[in-house]
Amino acid sequence: MMNNDWKDRLNVVYSTNPNFKYETSQKEDKVTLPPQQQKLRVSLDRKNRGGKTVTLVTGFIGNDDDLKALGKLLKSSCGVGGTVKDDEIIIQGDFKQRVLDLLKAKGYSQTKPVG
């Protein structure tokens, strides 16, 4: 049975070349660095958040699944909500010192506070 991948080819209308083979671009998986090599930065932010304070963790190098797992660990350890987007972890509230301690306990030895 032929694979119907028409959704991947929405921008290709028709080709007169009989040997034409449509190639889809494959996303490159980022390699996640070990915790000792990660240079994470922890900071507090209030910009564009309606005056609410959030704790930002930036500088993670790796794939999205590992970043989401780290974000889930930090959120559950702090007992608050948050999100992971645009390669940064956003924790609701002022948990800068607690996040620093948790990251260092997990082996992220190059983690530094910003600001």
N, C-alpha and C. Protein backbone atom coordinates (compact mmCIF):
# COMPACT_ATOMS: atom_id res chain seq x y z
N MET A 1 0.84 -1.17 0.00
CA MET A 1 0.00 0.00 0.00
C MET A 1 0.89 1.24 0.00
N MET A 2 0.53 2.20 -0.78
CA MET A 2 1.32 3.41 -0.93
C MET A 2 1.05 4.38 0.22
N ASN A 3 2.11 5.02 0.71
CA ASN A 3 1.99 5.98 1.79
C ASN A 3 1.41 7.29 1.25
N ASN A 4 0.30 7.73 1.79
CA ASN A 4 -0.34 8.96 1.35
C ASN A 4 0.20 10.11 2.17
N ASP A 5 1.23 10.77 1.66
CA ASP A 5 1.85 11.88 2.39
C ASP A 5 1.51 13.22 1.75
N TRP A 6 0.28 13.37 1.33
CA TRP A 6 -0.10 14.59 0.62
C TRP A 6 0.01 15.83 1.49
N LYS A 7 -0.11 15.68 2.79
CA LYS A 7 0.00 16.85 3.67
C LYS A 7 1.42 17.38 3.70
N ASP A 8 2.40 16.51 3.46
CA ASP A 8 3.79 16.95 3.42
C ASP A 8 4.12 17.66 2.11
N ARG A 9 3.26 17.48 1.10
CA ARG A 9 3.53 18.04 -0.22
C ARG A 9 2.54 19.13 -0.60
N LEU A 10 2.03 19.87 0.34
CA LEU A 10 0.99 20.86 0.04
C LEU A 10 1.45 21.95 -0.91
N ASN A 11 2.70 22.32 -0.90
CA ASN A 11 3.18 23.41 -1.76
C ASN A 11 3.64 22.95 -3.13
N VAL A 12 3.67 21.65 -3.40
CA VAL A 12 4.04 21.13 -4.71
C VAL A 12 2.76 20.82 -5.46
N VAL A 13 2.57 21.50 -6.59
CA VAL A 13 1.34 21.33 -7.33
C VAL A 13 1.48 20.20 -8.35
N TYR A 14 2.46 20.29 -9.24
CA TYR A 14 2.60 19.31 -10.30
C TYR A 14 4.01 19.41 -10.87
N SER A 15 4.55 18.29 -11.27
CA SER A 15 5.86 18.27 -11.90
C SER A 15 5.77 17.48 -13.20
N THR A 16 6.37 18.02 -14.26
CA THR A 16 6.36 17.33 -15.54
C THR A 16 7.53 16.37 -15.69
N ASN A 17 8.43 16.39 -14.75
CA ASN A 17 9.58 15.50 -14.77
C ASN A 17 9.14 14.11 -14.32
N PRO A 18 9.29 13.07 -15.18
CA PRO A 18 8.83 11.73 -14.78
C PRO A 18 9.68 11.12 -13.67
N ASN A 19 10.88 11.61 -13.46
CA ASN A 19 11.77 11.08 -12.43
C ASN A 19 11.74 11.90 -11.15
N PHE A 20 10.77 12.81 -11.03
CA PHE A 20 10.70 13.68 -9.86
C PHE A 20 10.31 12.88 -8.62
N LYS A 21 11.07 13.06 -7.59
CA LYS A 21 10.78 12.42 -6.30
C LYS A 21 10.79 13.51 -5.26
N TYR A 22 9.66 13.75 -4.63
CA TYR A 22 9.57 14.80 -3.62
C TYR A 22 10.28 14.33 -2.35
N GLU A 23 11.17 15.17 -1.85
CA GLU A 23 11.92 14.85 -0.63
C GLU A 23 11.48 15.78 0.48
N THR A 24 11.14 15.19 1.59
CA THR A 24 10.77 16.01 2.74
C THR A 24 12.02 16.27 3.56
N SER A 25 12.08 17.43 4.14
CA SER A 25 13.24 17.76 4.96
C SER A 25 13.05 17.13 6.34
N GLN A 26 14.09 16.51 6.82
CA GLN A 26 14.06 15.88 8.14
C GLN A 26 14.65 16.85 9.14
N LYS A 27 14.00 16.97 10.29
CA LYS A 27 14.52 17.83 11.34
C LYS A 27 15.72 17.15 11.99
N GLU A 28 16.72 17.94 12.24
CA GLU A 28 17.91 17.42 12.90
C GLU A 28 17.67 17.36 14.40
N ASP A 29 17.96 16.22 15.00
CA ASP A 29 17.85 16.11 16.44
C ASP A 29 19.08 16.71 17.08
N LYS A 30 18.85 17.60 18.02
CA LYS A 30 19.96 18.18 18.74
C LYS A 30 20.49 17.15 19.73
N VAL A 31 21.79 17.16 19.91
CA VAL A 31 22.40 16.26 20.89
C VAL A 31 22.43 16.99 22.22
N THR A 32 21.91 16.34 23.24
CA THR A 32 21.88 16.94 24.57
C THR A 32 23.22 16.76 25.25
N LEU A 33 23.78 17.88 25.69
CA LEU A 33 25.05 17.83 26.41
C LEU A 33 24.83 17.26 27.80
N PRO A 34 25.85 16.61 28.36
CA PRO A 34 25.73 16.13 29.74
C PRO A 34 25.56 17.32 30.71
N PRO A 35 24.97 17.07 31.88
CA PRO A 35 24.72 18.18 32.82
C PRO A 35 25.98 18.96 33.20
N GLN A 36 27.14 18.32 33.26
CA GLN A 36 28.36 19.03 33.66
C GLN A 36 28.79 20.05 32.61
N GLN A 37 28.38 19.87 31.36
CA GLN A 37 28.78 20.78 30.29
C GLN A 37 27.74 21.85 29.97
N GLN A 38 26.56 21.74 30.55
CA GLN A 38 25.51 22.72 30.31
C GLN A 38 25.84 24.02 31.05
N LYS A 39 25.71 25.14 30.34
CA LYS A 39 25.94 26.45 30.96
C LYS A 39 24.59 27.15 31.08
N LEU A 40 23.87 26.81 32.13
CA LEU A 40 22.54 27.36 32.34
C LEU A 40 22.62 28.68 33.10
N ARG A 41 21.67 29.57 32.81
CA ARG A 41 21.58 30.86 33.49
C ARG A 41 20.19 30.98 34.09
N VAL A 42 20.13 31.36 35.35
CA VAL A 42 18.86 31.50 36.07
C VAL A 42 18.67 32.98 36.39
N SER A 43 17.51 33.52 36.02
CA SER A 43 17.25 34.93 36.26
C SER A 43 15.77 35.14 36.58
N LEU A 44 15.48 36.31 37.12
CA LEU A 44 14.10 36.72 37.39
C LEU A 44 13.68 37.68 36.29
N ASP A 45 12.40 37.61 35.92
CA ASP A 45 11.92 38.46 34.84
C ASP A 45 10.51 38.93 35.15
N ARG A 46 10.20 40.17 34.76
CA ARG A 46 8.86 40.73 34.91
C ARG A 46 8.34 41.32 33.60
N LYS A 47 9.16 41.36 32.58
CA LYS A 47 8.78 42.02 31.33
C LYS A 47 7.69 41.24 30.62
N ASN A 48 6.70 41.94 30.14
CA ASN A 48 5.59 41.39 29.37
C ASN A 48 4.86 40.27 30.11
N ARG A 49 4.78 40.37 31.42
CA ARG A 49 4.12 39.33 32.20
C ARG A 49 3.06 39.92 33.13
N GLY A 50 2.62 41.11 32.85
CA GLY A 50 1.58 41.73 33.66
C GLY A 50 2.02 42.03 35.07
N GLY A 51 3.30 42.28 35.30
CA GLY A 51 3.81 42.59 36.62
C GLY A 51 4.11 41.37 37.47
N LYS A 52 3.83 40.17 36.95
CA LYS A 52 4.12 38.94 37.68
C LYS A 52 5.59 38.58 37.53
N THR A 53 6.18 38.06 38.58
CA THR A 53 7.58 37.65 38.56
C THR A 53 7.67 36.18 38.16
N VAL A 54 8.60 35.88 37.23
CA VAL A 54 8.85 34.50 36.84
C VAL A 54 10.35 34.24 36.93
N THR A 55 10.70 32.98 37.09
CA THR A 55 12.09 32.56 37.10
C THR A 55 12.40 31.94 35.75
N LEU A 56 13.41 32.45 35.06
CA LEU A 56 13.79 31.95 33.74
C LEU A 56 15.07 31.13 33.83
N VAL A 57 15.07 29.98 33.15
CA VAL A 57 16.28 29.17 33.02
C VAL A 57 16.58 29.11 31.53
N THR A 58 17.73 29.67 31.13
CA THR A 58 18.11 29.72 29.72
C THR A 58 19.46 29.07 29.53
N GLY A 59 19.79 28.82 28.26
CA GLY A 59 21.10 28.30 27.91
C GLY A 59 21.16 26.79 27.77
N PHE A 60 20.03 26.09 27.79
CA PHE A 60 20.03 24.64 27.67
C PHE A 60 20.33 24.25 26.23
N ILE A 61 21.26 23.33 26.05
CA ILE A 61 21.61 22.83 24.72
C ILE A 61 21.21 21.37 24.66
N GLY A 62 20.23 21.08 23.81
CA GLY A 62 19.77 19.71 23.68
C GLY A 62 18.43 19.64 23.00
N ASN A 63 17.85 18.44 22.98
CA ASN A 63 16.57 18.27 22.30
C ASN A 63 15.42 18.72 23.20
N ASP A 64 14.26 18.88 22.58
CA ASP A 64 13.10 19.43 23.29
C ASP A 64 12.58 18.51 24.38
N ASP A 65 12.69 17.20 24.17
CA ASP A 65 12.18 16.28 25.19
C ASP A 65 12.96 16.37 26.49
N ASP A 66 14.29 16.50 26.39
CA ASP A 66 15.11 16.64 27.60
C ASP A 66 14.84 17.97 28.30
N LEU A 67 14.63 19.02 27.51
CA LEU A 67 14.32 20.33 28.08
C LEU A 67 12.97 20.29 28.81
N LYS A 68 11.98 19.63 28.21
CA LYS A 68 10.67 19.51 28.85
C LYS A 68 10.75 18.68 30.13
N ALA A 69 11.58 17.63 30.11
CA ALA A 69 11.73 16.80 31.31
C ALA A 69 12.37 17.60 32.44
N LEU A 70 13.38 18.42 32.12
CA LEU A 70 14.01 19.27 33.13
C LEU A 70 13.03 20.30 33.65
N GLY A 71 12.22 20.89 32.75
CA GLY A 71 11.21 21.86 33.17
C GLY A 71 10.18 21.23 34.08
N LYS A 72 9.76 20.01 33.77
CA LYS A 72 8.78 19.32 34.61
C LYS A 72 9.35 19.03 35.98
N LEU A 73 10.62 18.64 36.02
CA LEU A 73 11.28 18.37 37.30
C LEU A 73 11.34 19.64 38.15
N LEU A 74 11.72 20.76 37.55
CA LEU A 74 11.82 22.01 38.31
C LEU A 74 10.45 22.49 38.78
N LYS A 75 9.45 22.40 37.92
CA LYS A 75 8.11 22.84 38.31
C LYS A 75 7.55 22.00 39.45
N SER A 76 7.72 20.69 39.36
CA SER A 76 7.18 19.83 40.41
C SER A 76 7.95 19.98 41.72
N SER A 77 9.26 20.23 41.63
CA SER A 77 10.06 20.42 42.84
C SER A 77 9.71 21.73 43.54
N CYS A 78 9.36 22.74 42.76
CA CYS A 78 8.99 24.03 43.35
C CYS A 78 7.50 24.07 43.72
N GLY A 79 6.72 23.15 43.18
CA GLY A 79 5.30 23.12 43.49
C GLY A 79 4.50 24.23 42.84
N VAL A 80 4.95 24.68 41.68
CA VAL A 80 4.27 25.76 40.97
C VAL A 80 4.11 25.39 39.50
N GLY A 81 3.44 26.25 38.78
CA GLY A 81 3.27 26.05 37.35
C GLY A 81 4.38 26.71 36.56
N GLY A 82 4.29 26.54 35.28
CA GLY A 82 5.27 27.13 34.39
C GLY A 82 5.15 26.52 33.02
N THR A 83 6.10 26.81 32.17
CA THR A 83 6.07 26.29 30.81
C THR A 83 7.49 26.20 30.26
N VAL A 84 7.60 25.52 29.13
CA VAL A 84 8.87 25.42 28.41
C VAL A 84 8.58 25.87 26.99
N LYS A 85 9.18 26.98 26.57
CA LYS A 85 9.03 27.43 25.19
C LYS A 85 10.20 28.32 24.81
N ASP A 86 10.47 28.35 23.54
CA ASP A 86 11.57 29.15 22.98
C ASP A 86 12.89 28.84 23.66
N ASP A 87 13.15 27.57 23.91
CA ASP A 87 14.40 27.09 24.51
C ASP A 87 14.68 27.69 25.89
N GLU A 88 13.64 28.00 26.64
CA GLU A 88 13.81 28.46 28.00
C GLU A 88 12.71 27.88 28.88
N ILE A 89 13.04 27.70 30.14
CA ILE A 89 12.09 27.19 31.12
C ILE A 89 11.58 28.36 31.93
N ILE A 90 10.26 28.49 32.02
CA ILE A 90 9.63 29.58 32.76
C ILE A 90 8.92 28.98 33.96
N ILE A 91 9.34 29.39 35.16
CA ILE A 91 8.75 28.93 36.41
C ILE A 91 8.00 30.12 37.02
N GLN A 92 6.73 29.94 37.37
CA GLN A 92 5.96 31.03 37.94
C GLN A 92 6.42 31.34 39.36
N GLY A 93 6.76 32.59 39.59
CA GLY A 93 7.15 33.02 40.93
C GLY A 93 8.65 33.23 41.07
N ASP A 94 9.04 33.69 42.25
CA ASP A 94 10.44 33.98 42.56
C ASP A 94 11.07 32.75 43.23
N PHE A 95 11.62 31.86 42.43
CA PHE A 95 12.25 30.64 42.93
C PHE A 95 13.69 30.54 42.44
N LYS A 96 14.35 31.68 42.32
CA LYS A 96 15.70 31.71 41.76
C LYS A 96 16.68 30.85 42.57
N GLN A 97 16.73 31.02 43.87
CA GLN A 97 17.69 30.29 44.70
C GLN A 97 17.34 28.80 44.75
N ARG A 98 16.07 28.48 44.84
CA ARG A 98 15.66 27.07 44.89
C ARG A 98 16.00 26.36 43.58
N VAL A 99 15.77 27.04 42.46
CA VAL A 99 16.09 26.45 41.15
C VAL A 99 17.59 26.26 41.01
N LEU A 100 18.37 27.24 41.46
CA LEU A 100 19.84 27.10 41.43
C LEU A 100 20.29 25.89 42.25
N ASP A 101 19.74 25.73 43.44
CA ASP A 101 20.11 24.60 44.29
C ASP A 101 19.71 23.27 43.66
N LEU A 102 18.52 23.22 43.08
CA LEU A 102 18.05 21.98 42.45
C LEU A 102 18.93 21.60 41.25
N LEU A 103 19.28 22.60 40.44
CA LEU A 103 20.10 22.32 39.26
C LEU A 103 21.49 21.84 39.66
N LYS A 104 22.07 22.48 40.66
CA LYS A 104 23.41 22.05 41.11
C LYS A 104 23.36 20.65 41.72
N ALA A 105 22.26 20.33 42.41
CA ALA A 105 22.11 18.98 42.98
C ALA A 105 21.95 17.93 41.88
N LYS A 106 21.39 18.30 40.74
CA LYS A 106 21.22 17.37 39.62
C LYS A 106 22.47 17.27 38.75
N GLY A 107 23.54 17.99 39.08
CA GLY A 107 24.79 17.88 38.34
C GLY A 107 25.07 18.99 37.35
N TYR A 108 24.22 19.99 37.29
CA TYR A 108 24.46 21.14 36.41
C TYR A 108 25.38 22.11 37.15
N SER A 109 26.66 21.79 37.15
CA SER A 109 27.63 22.52 37.99
C SER A 109 27.98 23.89 37.44
N GLN A 110 27.76 24.16 36.17
CA GLN A 110 28.10 25.46 35.59
C GLN A 110 26.93 26.42 35.59
N THR A 111 25.92 26.16 36.37
CA THR A 111 24.75 27.02 36.45
C THR A 111 25.09 28.28 37.25
N LYS A 112 24.68 29.44 36.72
CA LYS A 112 24.99 30.71 37.38
C LYS A 112 23.75 31.59 37.42
N PRO A 113 23.64 32.40 38.48
CA PRO A 113 22.54 33.37 38.53
C PRO A 113 22.88 34.60 37.67
N VAL A 114 21.87 35.22 37.14
CA VAL A 114 22.04 36.43 36.32
C VAL A 114 21.22 37.53 36.98
N GLY A 115 21.84 38.66 37.16
CA GLY A 115 21.13 39.83 37.67
C GLY A 115 20.92 39.88 39.12
